[in-house]
Amino acid sequence: MQIELSAVVPVPLRDRIRQRPSDIWDREVAFQPGQFVKIKAPSGTGKTTLVHYLYNIRYDYTGIIKAGGKPWADYSAAQLAAIRQDNISVVFQDLRLFDQLTAEENIELKRVMNNKPLYPAEKIREFAEQLGVTHVLGQSAATLSYGERQRIAIIRALMQPFQWLMMDEPFSHLDEGNTAKAAKLIDQECRARNAGFILTDLDHDQHFNYDVTYQL
């Protein structure tokens, strides 16, 4: 599924954006299926806003965003739900874990979202072991450190089918060792599915072989 942006400008950031160059805002951009895309985004340039637009949960922009050749506005509510269930998986900057549930329950919710889960329940523990969070699976999400929460959110995002995986600063509270482990798992899962990957972050990184890098 190709994602295209045509002259997209966030209304709240319009004046600020016009004062500096951008490879994304107010440009013609196409994210090709299977691409690894890095979006380097200094604070205040709208990286979280962009992720929300690409996932179609914010609409305060001018221009057009197309997914699979159709503008978001042309999809029905049921079609949008299906896209989020089968085509696009996201790790938001604020993670959006349910604090009243355990870490494992948070992951399980995403795993069983489909009638035919992509992975068996055992996969949760396998991924948790790879990322060093097996010991917190039974804990309430509210009790986890932010770095632990980030790793749980990453595992949760990998539990569903996707053609695109989008992550907004997913490693901000991880040390280099844990970042490398998470990046390796993400890379393996995206390559195995021939899925595209979009990462927004403040800095350059060496954890992925990106096909294209944009300055937001």
N, C-alpha and C. Protein backbone atom coordinates (compact mmCIF):
# COMPACT_ATOMS: atom_id res chain seq x y z
N MET A 1 0.85 -1.19 0.00
CA MET A 1 0.00 0.00 0.00
C MET A 1 0.88 1.24 0.00
N GLN A 2 0.79 2.03 -1.04
CA GLN A 2 1.54 3.27 -1.12
C GLN A 2 0.82 4.37 -0.35
N ILE A 3 1.60 5.22 0.31
CA ILE A 3 1.05 6.38 1.03
C ILE A 3 1.61 7.63 0.37
N GLU A 4 0.71 8.55 0.02
CA GLU A 4 1.12 9.76 -0.70
C GLU A 4 0.65 11.01 0.04
N LEU A 5 1.51 12.00 0.07
CA LEU A 5 1.16 13.31 0.61
C LEU A 5 1.28 14.34 -0.50
N SER A 6 0.26 15.15 -0.64
CA SER A 6 0.24 16.18 -1.66
C SER A 6 -0.05 17.53 -1.02
N ALA A 7 0.98 18.37 -0.93
CA ALA A 7 0.85 19.74 -0.40
C ALA A 7 0.23 19.76 1.00
N VAL A 8 0.60 18.80 1.84
CA VAL A 8 0.04 18.72 3.19
C VAL A 8 0.75 19.73 4.11
N VAL A 9 -0.06 20.53 4.79
CA VAL A 9 0.46 21.51 5.75
C VAL A 9 -0.43 21.49 6.98
N PRO A 10 0.14 21.25 8.17
CA PRO A 10 -0.67 21.30 9.39
C PRO A 10 -1.13 22.73 9.65
N VAL A 11 -2.41 22.91 9.85
CA VAL A 11 -2.93 24.25 10.07
C VAL A 11 -2.30 24.91 11.31
N PRO A 12 -2.15 24.22 12.44
CA PRO A 12 -1.58 24.88 13.61
C PRO A 12 -0.11 25.28 13.45
N LEU A 13 0.60 24.66 12.52
CA LEU A 13 2.03 24.93 12.34
C LEU A 13 2.33 25.69 11.06
N ARG A 14 1.29 26.18 10.39
CA ARG A 14 1.48 26.75 9.05
C ARG A 14 2.53 27.85 9.03
N ASP A 15 2.42 28.81 9.92
CA ASP A 15 3.36 29.94 9.89
C ASP A 15 4.78 29.50 10.20
N ARG A 16 4.94 28.61 11.16
CA ARG A 16 6.28 28.14 11.54
C ARG A 16 6.92 27.35 10.41
N ILE A 17 6.13 26.51 9.75
CA ILE A 17 6.65 25.66 8.69
C ILE A 17 7.12 26.49 7.49
N ARG A 18 6.41 27.57 7.20
CA ARG A 18 6.77 28.38 6.04
C ARG A 18 8.05 29.18 6.26
N GLN A 19 8.56 29.16 7.48
CA GLN A 19 9.80 29.87 7.77
C GLN A 19 11.04 29.01 7.62
N ARG A 20 10.85 27.72 7.31
CA ARG A 20 12.00 26.82 7.17
C ARG A 20 11.71 25.77 6.10
N PRO A 21 12.74 25.26 5.45
CA PRO A 21 12.51 24.23 4.42
C PRO A 21 12.12 22.90 5.04
N SER A 22 11.34 22.11 4.31
CA SER A 22 10.93 20.78 4.74
C SER A 22 10.84 19.87 3.54
N ASP A 23 11.24 18.62 3.71
CA ASP A 23 11.12 17.64 2.64
C ASP A 23 9.72 17.01 2.59
N ILE A 24 8.91 17.28 3.61
CA ILE A 24 7.59 16.64 3.73
C ILE A 24 6.46 17.64 3.58
N TRP A 25 6.47 18.65 4.43
CA TRP A 25 5.36 19.60 4.44
C TRP A 25 5.32 20.42 3.15
N ASP A 26 4.11 20.53 2.61
CA ASP A 26 3.85 21.31 1.39
C ASP A 26 4.64 20.78 0.20
N ARG A 27 4.90 19.47 0.18
CA ARG A 27 5.62 18.82 -0.91
C ARG A 27 4.80 17.66 -1.46
N GLU A 28 5.26 17.10 -2.57
CA GLU A 28 4.69 15.87 -3.12
C GLU A 28 5.61 14.73 -2.68
N VAL A 29 5.09 13.84 -1.84
CA VAL A 29 5.91 12.77 -1.27
C VAL A 29 5.14 11.45 -1.39
N ALA A 30 5.85 10.39 -1.77
CA ALA A 30 5.24 9.06 -1.84
C ALA A 30 6.11 8.08 -1.07
N PHE A 31 5.51 7.43 -0.09
CA PHE A 31 6.18 6.35 0.63
C PHE A 31 5.83 5.04 -0.07
N GLN A 32 6.86 4.39 -0.62
CA GLN A 32 6.64 3.19 -1.42
C GLN A 32 6.55 1.95 -0.54
N PRO A 33 5.73 0.96 -0.93
CA PRO A 33 5.63 -0.28 -0.16
C PRO A 33 7.00 -0.91 0.06
N GLY A 34 7.24 -1.32 1.29
CA GLY A 34 8.49 -1.98 1.62
C GLY A 34 9.65 -1.06 1.93
N GLN A 35 9.49 0.24 1.74
CA GLN A 35 10.57 1.18 2.03
C GLN A 35 10.83 1.32 3.53
N PHE A 36 12.10 1.53 3.88
CA PHE A 36 12.47 1.96 5.22
C PHE A 36 12.72 3.46 5.15
N VAL A 37 11.92 4.22 5.89
CA VAL A 37 11.91 5.67 5.80
C VAL A 37 12.28 6.28 7.15
N LYS A 38 13.28 7.14 7.14
CA LYS A 38 13.63 7.89 8.36
C LYS A 38 13.20 9.34 8.16
N ILE A 39 12.47 9.86 9.13
CA ILE A 39 12.07 11.26 9.11
C ILE A 39 12.73 11.95 10.29
N LYS A 40 13.76 12.72 10.01
CA LYS A 40 14.48 13.44 11.04
C LYS A 40 13.73 14.74 11.31
N ALA A 41 13.32 14.91 12.54
CA ALA A 41 12.37 15.97 12.84
C ALA A 41 12.77 16.71 14.11
N PRO A 42 13.35 17.89 14.00
CA PRO A 42 13.63 18.69 15.19
C PRO A 42 12.34 18.99 15.96
N SER A 43 12.48 19.27 17.23
CA SER A 43 11.31 19.58 18.07
C SER A 43 10.52 20.73 17.47
N GLY A 44 9.20 20.57 17.50
CA GLY A 44 8.32 21.64 17.05
C GLY A 44 8.03 21.66 15.57
N THR A 45 8.52 20.65 14.83
CA THR A 45 8.28 20.64 13.39
C THR A 45 7.13 19.73 12.99
N GLY A 46 6.54 19.01 13.96
CA GLY A 46 5.31 18.27 13.69
C GLY A 46 5.46 16.79 13.43
N LYS A 47 6.48 16.15 14.01
CA LYS A 47 6.66 14.71 13.73
C LYS A 47 5.52 13.88 14.30
N THR A 48 5.09 14.17 15.52
CA THR A 48 3.96 13.44 16.09
C THR A 48 2.68 13.75 15.30
N THR A 49 2.53 14.99 14.91
CA THR A 49 1.40 15.38 14.08
C THR A 49 1.39 14.58 12.78
N LEU A 50 2.55 14.42 12.15
CA LEU A 50 2.63 13.66 10.90
C LEU A 50 2.19 12.21 11.10
N VAL A 51 2.66 11.59 12.16
CA VAL A 51 2.25 10.20 12.43
C VAL A 51 0.74 10.11 12.59
N HIS A 52 0.16 11.08 13.29
CA HIS A 52 -1.29 11.09 13.47
C HIS A 52 -2.01 11.25 12.13
N TYR A 53 -1.46 12.07 11.25
CA TYR A 53 -2.07 12.24 9.92
C TYR A 53 -1.98 10.94 9.11
N LEU A 54 -0.82 10.29 9.17
CA LEU A 54 -0.63 9.06 8.39
C LEU A 54 -1.51 7.93 8.89
N TYR A 55 -1.89 8.01 10.16
CA TYR A 55 -2.78 7.00 10.74
C TYR A 55 -4.24 7.47 10.69
N ASN A 56 -4.43 8.68 10.22
CA ASN A 56 -5.76 9.27 10.03
C ASN A 56 -6.54 9.40 11.34
N ILE A 57 -5.87 9.95 12.35
CA ILE A 57 -6.59 10.26 13.59
C ILE A 57 -6.55 11.76 13.89
N ARG A 58 -5.93 12.55 13.00
CA ARG A 58 -6.02 14.00 13.05
C ARG A 58 -6.26 14.50 11.64
N TYR A 59 -7.01 15.60 11.55
CA TYR A 59 -7.46 16.05 10.24
C TYR A 59 -7.24 17.55 10.04
N ASP A 60 -6.49 18.18 10.93
CA ASP A 60 -6.33 19.64 10.88
C ASP A 60 -5.18 20.02 9.95
N TYR A 61 -5.35 19.67 8.67
CA TYR A 61 -4.33 19.99 7.68
C TYR A 61 -4.98 20.37 6.36
N THR A 62 -4.23 21.09 5.55
CA THR A 62 -4.62 21.33 4.17
C THR A 62 -3.81 20.38 3.29
N GLY A 63 -4.30 20.15 2.07
CA GLY A 63 -3.64 19.19 1.19
C GLY A 63 -4.35 17.84 1.26
N ILE A 64 -3.74 16.83 0.67
CA ILE A 64 -4.36 15.50 0.55
C ILE A 64 -3.38 14.42 0.96
N ILE A 65 -3.87 13.45 1.73
CA ILE A 65 -3.12 12.25 2.02
C ILE A 65 -3.89 11.07 1.45
N LYS A 66 -3.19 10.27 0.65
CA LYS A 66 -3.80 9.08 0.05
C LYS A 66 -3.13 7.82 0.59
N ALA A 67 -3.94 6.80 0.79
CA ALA A 67 -3.44 5.48 1.16
C ALA A 67 -4.04 4.48 0.19
N GLY A 68 -3.18 3.72 -0.48
CA GLY A 68 -3.70 2.78 -1.47
C GLY A 68 -4.40 3.47 -2.62
N GLY A 69 -3.99 4.69 -2.94
CA GLY A 69 -4.55 5.41 -4.08
C GLY A 69 -5.81 6.21 -3.80
N LYS A 70 -6.32 6.16 -2.56
CA LYS A 70 -7.55 6.88 -2.21
C LYS A 70 -7.29 7.85 -1.06
N PRO A 71 -7.86 9.05 -1.14
CA PRO A 71 -7.76 9.96 0.00
C PRO A 71 -8.41 9.34 1.24
N TRP A 72 -7.86 9.67 2.40
CA TRP A 72 -8.44 9.15 3.63
C TRP A 72 -9.94 9.43 3.71
N ALA A 73 -10.34 10.58 3.24
CA ALA A 73 -11.75 10.98 3.36
C ALA A 73 -12.68 10.08 2.57
N ASP A 74 -12.15 9.32 1.61
CA ASP A 74 -13.00 8.47 0.78
C ASP A 74 -13.26 7.09 1.38
N TYR A 75 -12.61 6.80 2.50
CA TYR A 75 -12.81 5.50 3.15
C TYR A 75 -13.95 5.58 4.15
N SER A 76 -14.73 4.52 4.24
CA SER A 76 -15.77 4.44 5.27
C SER A 76 -15.14 4.12 6.61
N ALA A 77 -15.92 4.27 7.67
CA ALA A 77 -15.42 3.96 9.01
C ALA A 77 -15.00 2.50 9.11
N ALA A 78 -15.78 1.61 8.50
CA ALA A 78 -15.44 0.18 8.54
C ALA A 78 -14.15 -0.09 7.77
N GLN A 79 -13.95 0.59 6.65
CA GLN A 79 -12.73 0.40 5.87
C GLN A 79 -11.51 0.92 6.63
N LEU A 80 -11.67 2.04 7.31
CA LEU A 80 -10.57 2.59 8.09
C LEU A 80 -10.19 1.65 9.24
N ALA A 81 -11.20 1.08 9.87
CA ALA A 81 -10.94 0.14 10.96
C ALA A 81 -10.17 -1.07 10.44
N ALA A 82 -10.54 -1.54 9.26
CA ALA A 82 -9.85 -2.69 8.66
C ALA A 82 -8.41 -2.36 8.31
N ILE A 83 -8.16 -1.15 7.82
CA ILE A 83 -6.80 -0.73 7.50
C ILE A 83 -5.94 -0.70 8.76
N ARG A 84 -6.50 -0.17 9.84
CA ARG A 84 -5.73 -0.11 11.10
C ARG A 84 -5.54 -1.50 11.69
N GLN A 85 -6.40 -2.42 11.35
CA GLN A 85 -6.30 -3.77 11.89
C GLN A 85 -5.32 -4.64 11.10
N ASP A 86 -5.24 -4.39 9.79
CA ASP A 86 -4.49 -5.29 8.92
C ASP A 86 -3.31 -4.65 8.19
N ASN A 87 -3.31 -3.32 8.06
CA ASN A 87 -2.34 -2.69 7.17
C ASN A 87 -1.34 -1.74 7.83
N ILE A 88 -1.76 -1.08 8.89
CA ILE A 88 -0.88 -0.10 9.53
C ILE A 88 -0.82 -0.36 11.03
N SER A 89 0.39 -0.48 11.55
CA SER A 89 0.59 -0.61 12.99
C SER A 89 1.46 0.55 13.46
N VAL A 90 1.19 1.06 14.64
CA VAL A 90 1.84 2.29 15.11
C VAL A 90 2.31 2.14 16.55
N VAL A 91 3.48 2.70 16.82
CA VAL A 91 3.89 2.97 18.19
C VAL A 91 3.89 4.49 18.35
N PHE A 92 2.90 5.00 19.07
CA PHE A 92 2.81 6.44 19.29
C PHE A 92 3.85 6.88 20.32
N GLN A 93 4.18 8.16 20.27
CA GLN A 93 5.17 8.68 21.22
C GLN A 93 4.68 8.52 22.66
N ASP A 94 3.38 8.67 22.89
CA ASP A 94 2.85 8.53 24.25
C ASP A 94 2.44 7.08 24.56
N LEU A 95 2.71 6.16 23.64
CA LEU A 95 2.60 4.70 23.80
C LEU A 95 1.17 4.17 23.92
N ARG A 96 0.32 4.84 24.68
CA ARG A 96 -1.10 4.48 24.78
C ARG A 96 -1.33 3.07 25.32
N LEU A 97 -0.58 2.72 26.33
CA LEU A 97 -0.85 1.47 27.04
C LEU A 97 -2.01 1.69 28.01
N PHE A 98 -2.71 0.62 28.34
CA PHE A 98 -3.78 0.69 29.33
C PHE A 98 -3.17 0.38 30.69
N ASP A 99 -3.10 1.39 31.54
CA ASP A 99 -2.40 1.25 32.82
C ASP A 99 -3.04 0.22 33.74
N GLN A 100 -4.34 0.00 33.61
CA GLN A 100 -5.03 -0.93 34.51
C GLN A 100 -4.81 -2.38 34.12
N LEU A 101 -4.25 -2.61 32.93
CA LEU A 101 -3.96 -3.97 32.46
C LEU A 101 -2.49 -4.30 32.67
N THR A 102 -2.18 -5.58 32.70
CA THR A 102 -0.78 -5.98 32.77
C THR A 102 -0.12 -5.73 31.42
N ALA A 103 1.20 -5.79 31.43
CA ALA A 103 1.93 -5.63 30.18
C ALA A 103 1.50 -6.70 29.17
N GLU A 104 1.39 -7.94 29.63
CA GLU A 104 1.00 -9.02 28.72
C GLU A 104 -0.42 -8.83 28.21
N GLU A 105 -1.32 -8.37 29.05
CA GLU A 105 -2.69 -8.13 28.61
C GLU A 105 -2.75 -7.04 27.55
N ASN A 106 -1.92 -6.01 27.70
CA ASN A 106 -1.85 -4.96 26.68
C ASN A 106 -1.45 -5.53 25.32
N ILE A 107 -0.46 -6.42 25.34
CA ILE A 107 0.00 -7.04 24.09
C ILE A 107 -1.06 -7.97 23.53
N GLU A 108 -1.68 -8.75 24.41
CA GLU A 108 -2.66 -9.74 24.00
C GLU A 108 -3.87 -9.09 23.32
N LEU A 109 -4.25 -7.91 23.79
CA LEU A 109 -5.37 -7.20 23.16
C LEU A 109 -5.13 -7.00 21.67
N LYS A 110 -3.92 -6.63 21.33
CA LYS A 110 -3.59 -6.40 19.93
C LYS A 110 -3.47 -7.72 19.18
N ARG A 111 -2.95 -8.75 19.83
CA ARG A 111 -2.75 -10.04 19.17
C ARG A 111 -4.08 -10.65 18.72
N VAL A 112 -5.11 -10.53 19.56
CA VAL A 112 -6.40 -11.18 19.26
C VAL A 112 -7.38 -10.23 18.58
N MET A 113 -6.89 -9.09 18.13
CA MET A 113 -7.76 -8.14 17.44
C MET A 113 -8.31 -8.75 16.16
N ASN A 114 -7.53 -9.59 15.51
CA ASN A 114 -7.97 -10.29 14.30
C ASN A 114 -8.64 -11.60 14.66
N ASN A 115 -9.60 -12.01 13.84
CA ASN A 115 -10.25 -13.30 14.06
C ASN A 115 -9.26 -14.45 13.96
N LYS A 116 -8.27 -14.29 13.08
CA LYS A 116 -7.20 -15.27 12.96
C LYS A 116 -5.89 -14.59 13.33
N PRO A 117 -5.49 -14.67 14.60
CA PRO A 117 -4.28 -13.97 15.04
C PRO A 117 -3.07 -14.33 14.20
N LEU A 118 -2.22 -13.33 13.97
CA LEU A 118 -0.99 -13.53 13.20
C LEU A 118 -0.06 -14.49 13.92
N TYR A 119 0.04 -14.36 15.23
CA TYR A 119 0.96 -15.17 16.02
C TYR A 119 0.22 -15.87 17.16
N PRO A 120 0.72 -17.03 17.59
CA PRO A 120 0.16 -17.67 18.78
C PRO A 120 0.58 -16.91 20.03
N ALA A 121 -0.09 -17.16 21.14
CA ALA A 121 0.18 -16.44 22.38
C ALA A 121 1.63 -16.60 22.83
N GLU A 122 2.25 -17.73 22.50
CA GLU A 122 3.63 -17.99 22.92
C GLU A 122 4.62 -16.97 22.35
N LYS A 123 4.23 -16.33 21.26
CA LYS A 123 5.12 -15.37 20.62
C LYS A 123 5.36 -14.16 21.51
N ILE A 124 4.41 -13.84 22.36
CA ILE A 124 4.56 -12.70 23.27
C ILE A 124 5.78 -12.91 24.15
N ARG A 125 5.88 -14.08 24.76
CA ARG A 125 7.00 -14.36 25.65
C ARG A 125 8.32 -14.43 24.88
N GLU A 126 8.26 -14.94 23.65
CA GLU A 126 9.47 -15.01 22.83
C GLU A 126 10.02 -13.61 22.56
N PHE A 127 9.14 -12.70 22.15
CA PHE A 127 9.57 -11.33 21.88
C PHE A 127 10.01 -10.64 23.17
N ALA A 128 9.27 -10.88 24.25
CA ALA A 128 9.62 -10.26 25.53
C ALA A 128 11.01 -10.70 25.99
N GLU A 129 11.33 -11.95 25.76
CA GLU A 129 12.65 -12.45 26.13
C GLU A 129 13.73 -11.76 25.30
N GLN A 130 13.45 -11.58 24.01
CA GLN A 130 14.43 -10.91 23.14
C GLN A 130 14.68 -9.47 23.58
N LEU A 131 13.65 -8.81 24.10
CA LEU A 131 13.78 -7.40 24.49
C LEU A 131 14.00 -7.21 25.99
N GLY A 132 14.14 -8.31 26.73
CA GLY A 132 14.47 -8.21 28.15
C GLY A 132 13.36 -7.71 29.04
N VAL A 133 12.11 -8.04 28.71
CA VAL A 133 10.99 -7.57 29.54
C VAL A 133 10.09 -8.73 29.99
N THR A 134 10.60 -9.94 29.95
CA THR A 134 9.80 -11.08 30.41
C THR A 134 9.35 -10.90 31.85
N HIS A 135 10.23 -10.34 32.67
CA HIS A 135 9.95 -10.22 34.11
C HIS A 135 8.84 -9.23 34.43
N VAL A 136 8.44 -8.39 33.47
CA VAL A 136 7.38 -7.40 33.76
C VAL A 136 6.05 -7.76 33.11
N LEU A 137 5.96 -8.88 32.42
CA LEU A 137 4.73 -9.21 31.70
C LEU A 137 3.52 -9.29 32.62
N GLY A 138 3.71 -9.73 33.84
CA GLY A 138 2.59 -9.86 34.76
C GLY A 138 2.31 -8.61 35.57
N GLN A 139 3.11 -7.57 35.38
CA GLN A 139 2.93 -6.34 36.14
C GLN A 139 1.94 -5.40 35.45
N SER A 140 1.27 -4.60 36.26
CA SER A 140 0.44 -3.54 35.72
C SER A 140 1.29 -2.59 34.89
N ALA A 141 0.78 -2.16 33.75
CA ALA A 141 1.52 -1.23 32.91
C ALA A 141 1.86 0.05 33.65
N ALA A 142 1.03 0.42 34.61
CA ALA A 142 1.28 1.65 35.37
C ALA A 142 2.55 1.58 36.20
N THR A 143 3.01 0.37 36.51
CA THR A 143 4.19 0.22 37.37
C THR A 143 5.49 0.16 36.58
N LEU A 144 5.43 0.15 35.27
CA LEU A 144 6.63 -0.03 34.46
C LEU A 144 7.39 1.27 34.28
N SER A 145 8.70 1.16 34.11
CA SER A 145 9.50 2.32 33.73
C SER A 145 9.14 2.71 32.30
N TYR A 146 9.52 3.91 31.89
CA TYR A 146 9.16 4.34 30.54
C TYR A 146 9.86 3.48 29.50
N GLY A 147 11.10 3.09 29.77
CA GLY A 147 11.80 2.22 28.84
C GLY A 147 11.13 0.86 28.70
N GLU A 148 10.64 0.32 29.81
CA GLU A 148 9.90 -0.94 29.75
C GLU A 148 8.60 -0.76 28.98
N ARG A 149 7.94 0.35 29.19
CA ARG A 149 6.69 0.63 28.48
C ARG A 149 6.95 0.72 26.97
N GLN A 150 8.07 1.34 26.60
CA GLN A 150 8.38 1.43 25.17
C GLN A 150 8.57 0.05 24.55
N ARG A 151 9.26 -0.83 25.25
CA ARG A 151 9.49 -2.17 24.71
C ARG A 151 8.20 -2.97 24.64
N ILE A 152 7.32 -2.80 25.61
CA ILE A 152 6.02 -3.48 25.56
C ILE A 152 5.20 -2.94 24.39
N ALA A 153 5.24 -1.63 24.16
CA ALA A 153 4.49 -1.04 23.04
C ALA A 153 5.03 -1.53 21.70
N ILE A 154 6.33 -1.72 21.60
CA ILE A 154 6.93 -2.24 20.37
C ILE A 154 6.44 -3.67 20.12
N ILE A 155 6.49 -4.50 21.15
CA ILE A 155 6.02 -5.89 21.00
C ILE A 155 4.55 -5.91 20.60
N ARG A 156 3.75 -5.05 21.24
CA ARG A 156 2.32 -4.99 20.92
C ARG A 156 2.11 -4.65 19.44
N ALA A 157 2.88 -3.70 18.92
CA ALA A 157 2.72 -3.30 17.52
C ALA A 157 3.08 -4.42 16.56
N LEU A 158 4.00 -5.29 16.98
CA LEU A 158 4.43 -6.39 16.11
C LEU A 158 3.47 -7.57 16.11
N MET A 159 2.50 -7.56 17.00
CA MET A 159 1.57 -8.68 17.11
C MET A 159 0.51 -8.70 16.02
N GLN A 160 0.29 -7.58 15.36
CA GLN A 160 -0.77 -7.53 14.36
C GLN A 160 -0.17 -7.58 12.96
N PRO A 161 -0.96 -7.97 11.95
CA PRO A 161 -0.49 -7.88 10.56
C PRO A 161 -0.28 -6.41 10.20
N PHE A 162 0.65 -6.14 9.31
CA PHE A 162 0.81 -4.78 8.81
C PHE A 162 1.60 -4.76 7.52
N GLN A 163 1.27 -3.75 6.69
CA GLN A 163 2.07 -3.41 5.53
C GLN A 163 2.99 -2.24 5.82
N TRP A 164 2.59 -1.46 6.83
CA TRP A 164 3.41 -0.34 7.29
C TRP A 164 3.50 -0.37 8.80
N LEU A 165 4.71 -0.20 9.31
CA LEU A 165 4.94 -0.03 10.74
C LEU A 165 5.48 1.38 10.94
N MET A 166 4.79 2.16 11.77
CA MET A 166 5.18 3.55 12.03
C MET A 166 5.53 3.72 13.50
N MET A 167 6.65 4.38 13.77
CA MET A 167 7.07 4.56 15.15
C MET A 167 7.55 5.99 15.36
N ASP A 168 7.08 6.60 16.45
CA ASP A 168 7.40 7.98 16.78
C ASP A 168 8.31 7.99 18.01
N GLU A 169 9.60 8.23 17.78
CA GLU A 169 10.61 8.23 18.87
C GLU A 169 10.49 6.99 19.77
N PRO A 170 10.55 5.79 19.21
CA PRO A 170 10.29 4.59 20.01
C PRO A 170 11.41 4.20 20.96
N PHE A 171 12.61 4.81 20.78
CA PHE A 171 13.76 4.40 21.59
C PHE A 171 14.24 5.50 22.53
N SER A 172 13.42 6.50 22.75
CA SER A 172 13.89 7.69 23.47
C SER A 172 14.35 7.41 24.89
N HIS A 173 13.83 6.35 25.52
CA HIS A 173 14.20 6.03 26.90
C HIS A 173 14.93 4.69 27.00
N LEU A 174 15.52 4.24 25.89
CA LEU A 174 16.27 2.99 25.90
C LEU A 174 17.76 3.28 25.75
N ASP A 175 18.57 2.49 26.45
CA ASP A 175 20.01 2.63 26.27
C ASP A 175 20.41 1.99 24.95
N GLU A 176 21.68 2.10 24.60
CA GLU A 176 22.14 1.64 23.30
C GLU A 176 21.92 0.14 23.12
N GLY A 177 22.17 -0.65 24.16
CA GLY A 177 22.01 -2.09 24.07
C GLY A 177 20.57 -2.50 23.82
N ASN A 178 19.65 -1.92 24.57
CA ASN A 178 18.24 -2.25 24.40
C ASN A 178 17.68 -1.71 23.08
N THR A 179 18.18 -0.56 22.66
CA THR A 179 17.78 -0.03 21.36
C THR A 179 18.20 -0.97 20.24
N ALA A 180 19.42 -1.48 20.32
CA ALA A 180 19.92 -2.39 19.29
C ALA A 180 19.08 -3.67 19.23
N LYS A 181 18.69 -4.20 20.38
CA LYS A 181 17.85 -5.41 20.41
C LYS A 181 16.49 -5.14 19.80
N ALA A 182 15.89 -4.00 20.16
CA ALA A 182 14.57 -3.66 19.62
C ALA A 182 14.64 -3.42 18.12
N ALA A 183 15.68 -2.72 17.67
CA ALA A 183 15.83 -2.43 16.25
C ALA A 183 16.01 -3.72 15.45
N LYS A 184 16.76 -4.66 15.99
CA LYS A 184 16.97 -5.94 15.31
C LYS A 184 15.65 -6.68 15.13
N LEU A 185 14.83 -6.70 16.18
CA LEU A 185 13.54 -7.38 16.10
C LEU A 185 12.61 -6.69 15.10
N ILE A 186 12.57 -5.37 15.15
CA ILE A 186 11.72 -4.61 14.23
C ILE A 186 12.15 -4.87 12.79
N ASP A 187 13.43 -4.81 12.54
CA ASP A 187 13.96 -5.04 11.19
C ASP A 187 13.59 -6.44 10.69
N GLN A 188 13.77 -7.43 11.53
CA GLN A 188 13.45 -8.80 11.14
C GLN A 188 11.97 -8.95 10.78
N GLU A 189 11.10 -8.38 11.60
CA GLU A 189 9.66 -8.51 11.36
C GLU A 189 9.23 -7.78 10.10
N CYS A 190 9.76 -6.58 9.88
CA CYS A 190 9.39 -5.84 8.68
C CYS A 190 9.90 -6.53 7.42
N ARG A 191 11.14 -7.02 7.46
CA ARG A 191 11.69 -7.69 6.28
C ARG A 191 10.93 -8.98 6.00
N ALA A 192 10.57 -9.72 7.03
CA ALA A 192 9.86 -10.98 6.84
C ALA A 192 8.49 -10.77 6.19
N ARG A 193 7.89 -9.60 6.44
CA ARG A 193 6.56 -9.31 5.91
C ARG A 193 6.60 -8.45 4.65
N ASN A 194 7.82 -8.08 4.22
CA ASN A 194 7.98 -7.13 3.11
C ASN A 194 7.22 -5.83 3.40
N ALA A 195 7.25 -5.43 4.66
CA ALA A 195 6.51 -4.26 5.11
C ALA A 195 7.39 -3.02 5.11
N GLY A 196 6.76 -1.87 4.92
CA GLY A 196 7.46 -0.61 5.03
C GLY A 196 7.58 -0.19 6.48
N PHE A 197 8.55 0.67 6.76
CA PHE A 197 8.83 1.13 8.11
C PHE A 197 9.09 2.62 8.07
N ILE A 198 8.39 3.37 8.90
CA ILE A 198 8.58 4.81 9.01
C ILE A 198 8.93 5.13 10.45
N LEU A 199 10.09 5.76 10.65
CA LEU A 199 10.52 6.15 11.99
C LEU A 199 10.76 7.65 12.03
N THR A 200 10.15 8.31 13.00
CA THR A 200 10.41 9.73 13.21
C THR A 200 11.26 9.87 14.47
N ASP A 201 12.25 10.73 14.40
CA ASP A 201 13.13 10.92 15.56
C ASP A 201 13.84 12.26 15.42
N LEU A 202 14.47 12.68 16.53
CA LEU A 202 15.16 13.96 16.54
C LEU A 202 16.50 13.89 15.83
N ASP A 203 17.13 12.71 15.86
CA ASP A 203 18.51 12.59 15.41
C ASP A 203 18.66 11.52 14.33
N HIS A 204 19.85 11.49 13.74
CA HIS A 204 20.22 10.39 12.87
C HIS A 204 20.49 9.17 13.73
N ASP A 205 20.34 7.99 13.14
CA ASP A 205 20.70 6.77 13.86
C ASP A 205 21.27 5.76 12.88
N GLN A 206 21.94 4.75 13.41
CA GLN A 206 22.59 3.74 12.59
C GLN A 206 21.95 2.37 12.76
N HIS A 207 20.72 2.32 13.24
CA HIS A 207 20.11 1.04 13.59
C HIS A 207 19.39 0.37 12.43
N PHE A 208 19.11 1.13 11.36
CA PHE A 208 18.41 0.57 10.21
C PHE A 208 19.09 1.02 8.93
N ASN A 209 18.94 0.22 7.90
CA ASN A 209 19.41 0.62 6.57
C ASN A 209 18.24 1.29 5.84
N TYR A 210 18.18 2.60 5.96
CA TYR A 210 17.05 3.33 5.39
C TYR A 210 17.19 3.46 3.88
N ASP A 211 16.06 3.36 3.20
CA ASP A 211 16.03 3.60 1.76
C ASP A 211 15.99 5.08 1.46
N VAL A 212 15.39 5.84 2.35
CA VAL A 212 15.27 7.29 2.13
C VAL A 212 15.18 7.98 3.48
N THR A 213 15.76 9.17 3.56
CA THR A 213 15.70 9.99 4.77
C THR A 213 15.15 11.37 4.40
N TYR A 214 14.20 11.83 5.18
CA TYR A 214 13.60 13.14 4.97
C TYR A 214 13.88 14.04 6.18
N GLN A 215 13.99 15.32 5.91
CA GLN A 215 14.05 16.33 6.96
C GLN A 215 12.67 16.95 7.06
N LEU A 216 12.05 16.84 8.21
CA LEU A 216 10.70 17.37 8.35
C LEU A 216 10.72 18.89 8.45
